[in-house]
Protein backbone atom coordinates (compact mmCIF):
# COMPACT_ATOMS: atom_id res chain seq x y z
CA MET A 1 7.14 16.05 42.04
CA LEU A 2 8.66 15.47 45.41
CA PHE A 3 6.57 15.28 48.56
CA ILE A 4 8.31 16.31 51.80
CA THR A 5 6.88 16.27 55.28
CA ILE A 6 8.61 18.15 58.05
CA ILE A 7 7.80 17.64 61.72
CA ASN A 8 9.38 19.90 64.37
CA ARG A 9 10.88 18.10 67.36
CA GLY A 10 8.32 19.61 69.73
CA GLY A 11 5.62 17.83 67.85
CA GLY A 12 3.43 20.93 67.82
CA PHE A 13 2.81 21.42 64.17
CA LEU A 14 2.90 19.49 60.96
CA TYR A 15 3.79 21.37 57.84
CA SER A 16 3.89 19.90 54.36
CA ARG A 17 4.62 21.36 50.99
CA LEU A 18 5.13 20.20 47.47
CA PHE A 19 8.48 20.93 45.84
CA ASN A 20 9.56 20.55 42.26
CA ASN A 21 12.54 18.47 41.31
CA LYS A 22 14.90 21.47 41.29
CA ILE A 23 13.95 22.38 44.92
CA LYS A 24 14.35 26.08 44.28
CA ARG A 25 13.12 27.16 47.69
CA LEU A 26 12.41 25.69 51.05
CA TYR A 27 10.09 27.44 53.46
CA LEU A 28 9.98 26.14 56.98
CA ARG A 29 7.66 27.23 59.63
CA CYS A 30 8.08 25.82 63.09
CA TYR A 31 6.05 26.43 66.17
CA PHE A 32 7.72 25.51 69.45
CA ASN A 33 5.96 24.23 72.50
CA PRO A 34 5.66 26.56 75.51
CA LEU A 35 8.66 25.07 77.33
CA GLU A 36 10.97 25.79 74.41
CA MET A 37 9.57 29.31 74.10
CA LYS A 38 10.50 30.02 77.70
CA LYS A 39 14.04 28.86 77.02
CA GLU A 40 14.25 31.21 74.06
CA LYS A 41 13.06 34.16 76.14
CA LYS A 42 15.71 33.54 78.74
CA ARG A 43 18.49 33.91 76.20
CA LYS A 44 19.90 37.44 76.19
CA THR A 45 22.03 39.16 73.62
CA THR A 46 25.44 39.87 75.01
CA SER A 47 26.28 43.54 74.66
CA GLY A 48 28.77 46.15 75.83
CA PRO A 49 32.38 45.37 76.71
CA ILE A 50 31.96 41.60 76.77
CA ARG A 51 30.66 41.48 73.22
CA ASP A 52 32.95 44.17 71.82
CA LYS A 53 36.30 43.54 73.47
CA SER A 54 38.40 45.15 70.76
CA ARG A 55 36.37 48.37 70.85
CA THR A 56 36.62 48.61 74.63
CA LYS A 57 40.38 47.98 74.52
CA ALA A 58 40.72 50.74 71.92
CA LYS A 59 38.72 53.12 74.14
CA LEU A 60 41.01 52.41 77.09
CA ILE A 61 44.17 52.88 75.02
CA ASN A 62 42.90 56.17 73.59
CA ALA A 63 41.87 57.24 77.09
CA VAL A 64 45.50 57.03 78.21
CA GLY A 65 46.32 59.83 75.77
CA THR A 66 43.31 61.86 76.91
CA VAL A 67 44.34 61.67 80.58
CA LEU A 68 47.97 62.32 79.70
CA GLN A 69 47.07 65.51 77.81
CA ASN A 70 44.44 66.83 80.23
CA LYS A 71 45.75 65.77 83.64
CA GLY A 72 49.39 64.78 83.15
CA TYR A 73 51.24 61.55 83.75
CA GLY A 74 50.82 61.82 87.54
CA ASN A 75 47.11 61.09 87.10
CA LEU A 76 47.48 58.04 84.86
CA ASN A 77 45.62 55.59 87.05
CA ALA A 78 42.87 53.04 86.39
CA ALA A 79 40.04 55.23 87.69
CA ASN A 80 40.91 58.25 85.53
CA ILE A 81 41.61 56.19 82.42
CA ALA A 82 38.38 54.20 82.76
CA ARG A 83 36.40 57.38 83.41
CA ALA A 84 37.82 58.99 80.23
CA ALA A 85 36.97 55.78 78.28
CA GLY A 86 33.51 55.54 79.77
CA VAL A 87 33.96 51.95 81.01
CA ASP A 88 34.39 50.08 84.26
CA LYS A 89 37.91 50.37 85.69
CA LYS A 90 37.95 46.58 86.32
CA LEU A 91 38.34 46.18 82.54
CA VAL A 92 41.83 47.61 82.75
CA TRP A 93 42.93 44.42 84.57
CA THR A 94 40.62 42.19 82.58
CA TYR A 95 42.08 43.21 79.24
CA PHE A 96 45.59 44.38 80.09
CA GLY A 97 46.53 42.86 83.44
CA SER A 98 47.72 46.16 84.91
CA VAL A 99 47.75 49.92 84.35
CA ASP A 100 51.44 49.76 83.34
CA ASN A 101 50.63 47.18 80.62
CA LEU A 102 47.86 49.44 79.31
CA ILE A 103 50.21 52.44 79.23
CA GLU A 104 52.86 50.39 77.47
CA GLU A 105 50.37 49.33 74.81
CA TYR A 106 49.43 52.99 74.27
CA ILE A 107 53.09 53.93 73.96
CA ASP A 108 53.82 51.09 71.56
CA LEU A 109 50.81 52.03 69.47
CA ARG A 110 51.91 55.65 69.20
CA ALA A 111 55.55 54.59 68.67
CA PHE A 112 56.97 57.51 70.62
CA TRP A 113 60.46 56.11 70.11
CA ARG A 114 60.30 57.34 66.51
CA LEU A 115 61.61 60.80 65.75
CA ASN A 116 58.16 61.69 64.38
CA ILE A 117 59.78 62.90 61.19
CA PRO A 118 58.12 62.39 57.78
CA ASN A 119 59.11 59.11 56.16
CA SER A 120 60.26 60.99 53.06
CA THR A 121 63.08 62.65 55.00
CA ILE A 122 64.27 59.42 56.60
CA GLU A 123 64.06 57.61 53.25
CA LYS A 124 66.11 60.36 51.60
CA ILE A 125 68.87 59.93 54.14
CA ILE A 126 68.87 56.12 54.01
CA SER A 127 68.79 56.07 50.20
CA LYS A 128 72.11 57.93 49.92
CA PRO A 129 74.10 57.06 53.05
CA LYS A 130 77.39 58.29 51.60
CA GLY A 131 75.88 61.60 50.55
CA VAL A 132 74.42 62.64 53.93
CA GLY A 133 75.65 66.11 54.82
CA ASN A 134 74.72 69.54 56.10
CA GLU A 135 71.47 69.82 54.12
CA GLU A 136 70.08 66.45 55.21
CA ILE A 137 70.97 66.79 58.92
CA THR A 138 69.61 70.36 59.04
CA GLU A 139 66.36 69.24 57.43
CA LEU A 140 66.12 66.38 59.91
CA LEU A 141 66.50 68.64 62.92
CA LEU A 142 64.14 71.32 61.59
CA GLU A 143 61.44 68.73 60.94
CA TYR A 144 62.01 67.20 64.35
CA TYR A 145 61.52 70.65 65.89
CA THR A 146 58.27 71.08 63.98
CA ALA A 147 56.99 67.62 64.80
CA PHE A 148 57.80 67.93 68.50
CA SER A 149 56.24 71.41 68.77
CA LYS A 150 52.93 70.08 67.40
CA ASP A 151 52.74 66.69 69.13
CA ILE A 152 51.36 67.34 72.64
CA ASP A 153 51.39 63.63 73.47
CA LEU A 154 55.06 63.32 72.63
CA GLN A 155 55.81 66.41 74.72
CA LYS A 156 54.04 64.84 77.67
CA ILE A 157 55.97 61.57 77.23
CA VAL A 158 59.35 63.33 77.05
CA HIS A 159 58.47 65.39 80.12
CA TRP A 160 57.48 62.16 81.88
CA GLU A 161 60.78 60.58 80.88
CA MET A 162 62.61 63.41 82.61
CA GLY A 163 60.55 63.27 85.74
CA GLU A 164 60.21 59.59 86.58
CA SER A 165 62.21 56.39 86.33
CA LYS A 166 60.00 53.80 84.64
CA GLU A 167 60.90 50.75 82.59
CA VAL A 168 58.47 51.46 79.79
CA LEU A 169 59.82 55.02 79.47
CA ARG A 170 63.39 53.77 79.38
CA LYS A 171 62.41 51.48 76.49
CA ILE A 172 61.18 54.48 74.50
CA ALA A 173 64.43 56.41 75.15
CA ASP A 174 66.55 53.40 74.20
CA LYS A 175 64.64 52.81 70.95
CA ARG A 176 64.94 56.51 70.12
CA GLU A 177 68.66 56.28 70.69
CA MET A 178 68.89 53.34 68.32
CA THR A 179 67.23 55.40 65.60
CA GLY A 180 69.62 58.26 66.22
CA GLU A 181 72.59 55.92 66.27
CA HIS A 182 71.73 54.70 62.78
CA ILE A 183 71.81 58.28 61.48
CA PHE A 184 75.07 59.08 63.29
CA SER A 185 76.67 56.02 61.71
CA LEU A 186 76.20 57.73 58.33
CA ILE A 187 78.13 60.90 59.26
CA ASP A 188 80.58 59.94 62.07
CA ASP A 189 83.45 59.30 59.65
CA LYS A 190 83.10 62.84 58.26
CA PHE A 191 84.09 64.23 61.70
CA GLU A 192 86.67 61.64 62.65
CA ASN A 193 89.63 64.05 62.41
CA SER A 194 87.68 67.24 63.09
CA ASP A 195 87.39 69.52 66.11
CA ALA A 196 83.68 69.81 65.36
CA ASP A 197 81.84 67.39 67.64
CA ILE A 198 78.69 66.66 65.71
CA ARG A 199 77.21 64.33 68.35
CA ALA A 200 77.64 66.84 71.18
CA THR A 201 76.28 69.60 68.97
CA ILE A 202 73.12 67.70 68.00
CA ALA A 203 72.64 66.56 71.62
CA LEU A 204 72.56 70.23 72.72
CA LEU A 205 70.24 71.18 69.90
CA ILE A 206 67.81 68.39 70.71
CA GLY A 207 67.93 69.33 74.41
CA GLY A 208 67.16 72.91 73.41
CA ILE A 209 64.27 71.79 71.18
CA TYR A 210 62.77 69.89 74.14
CA TYR A 211 63.25 72.66 76.65
CA LEU A 212 62.03 75.52 74.50
CA ASN A 213 58.91 73.69 73.39
CA LEU A 214 58.04 72.30 76.82
CA HIS A 215 58.59 75.71 78.41
CA ALA A 216 56.44 77.45 75.78
CA SER A 217 53.73 74.79 75.98
CA VAL A 218 53.46 74.68 79.78
CA ASN A 219 54.28 78.17 80.94
CA GLY A 220 54.08 80.21 77.76
CA SER A 221 56.99 82.30 79.00
CA LYS A 222 60.16 83.51 77.31
CA VAL A 223 63.63 81.99 77.25
CA CYS A 224 66.46 84.47 76.65
CA GLY A 225 63.83 87.01 75.68
CA LEU A 226 62.42 84.72 72.98
CA ASP A 227 58.90 83.34 72.87
CA ILE A 228 58.61 80.54 70.33
CA ASN A 229 54.86 80.90 70.42
CA GLU A 230 55.56 84.02 68.38
CA GLU A 231 56.37 83.27 64.73
CA LYS A 232 59.25 85.76 64.48
CA ASP A 233 60.99 84.33 67.58
CA GLU A 234 60.49 80.75 66.42
CA GLU A 235 62.02 81.65 63.04
CA ARG A 236 65.12 82.97 64.85
CA ILE A 237 65.51 79.62 66.62
CA LEU A 238 65.19 77.67 63.37
CA LYS A 239 67.76 79.86 61.64
CA ALA A 240 70.14 79.38 64.60
CA ILE A 241 69.85 75.57 64.19
CA GLU A 242 70.70 75.94 60.51
CA ARG A 243 73.77 78.08 61.23
CA ILE A 244 75.07 75.76 63.94
CA ILE A 245 74.83 72.61 61.82
CA SER A 246 76.25 74.42 58.81
CA ARG A 247 79.24 75.56 60.87
CA CYS A 248 79.95 71.99 62.02
CA PHE A 249 80.09 70.74 58.41
CA ILE A 250 82.30 73.65 57.39
CA GLU A 251 84.80 72.74 60.14
CA GLN A 252 84.77 68.99 59.42
């Protein structure tokens, strides 16, 4: 048997217990003197934004999207973002350094430079670069139309790109162009000696996709008598995209 005596450093209590040689368990009971107890009471558990920095940062980043959707890019300021996040606006500078840095982090997180097209479609195109043709490009544009029509955040960002010169927005546009350039590199040679200008055609189609969806989303009004909020009119637009791309490949 092993005899152990334990004395706490406050000298307030002496506790002894017999232990067997295996020392399976050790139970300590310490009583602190009044001075030490006061010190313990003064210690407070840190809570809120100081303790949970990552959660607060996530709230602020998500709040950028909330303000963007509900109030538009013109109201993306520290006060509105912090209010939507339910935190002090000073934390915008504490965690991000500036409102622009916070917005940039939101944009990077959402990766708005992507075409927002399912990975399966992109992978199909990349997997057979020499076989990219009418079917693949048509599918790409139709899926981009669908993705853009459903993504309100992306609509707001594109609208913002058109209305304001901002470095972070230019970065999105440039990255989006790089993605598009990779796809064009797979089909440019097919139109090298053709009157069909595939780049100009797709540029006009994408511009039309943007305008039709933004117009329908904001004003809900018609363009050329068509309302893409109506399924039958939207179907006419999608079929027109198919015919235009098909015609380009026929003329190549």
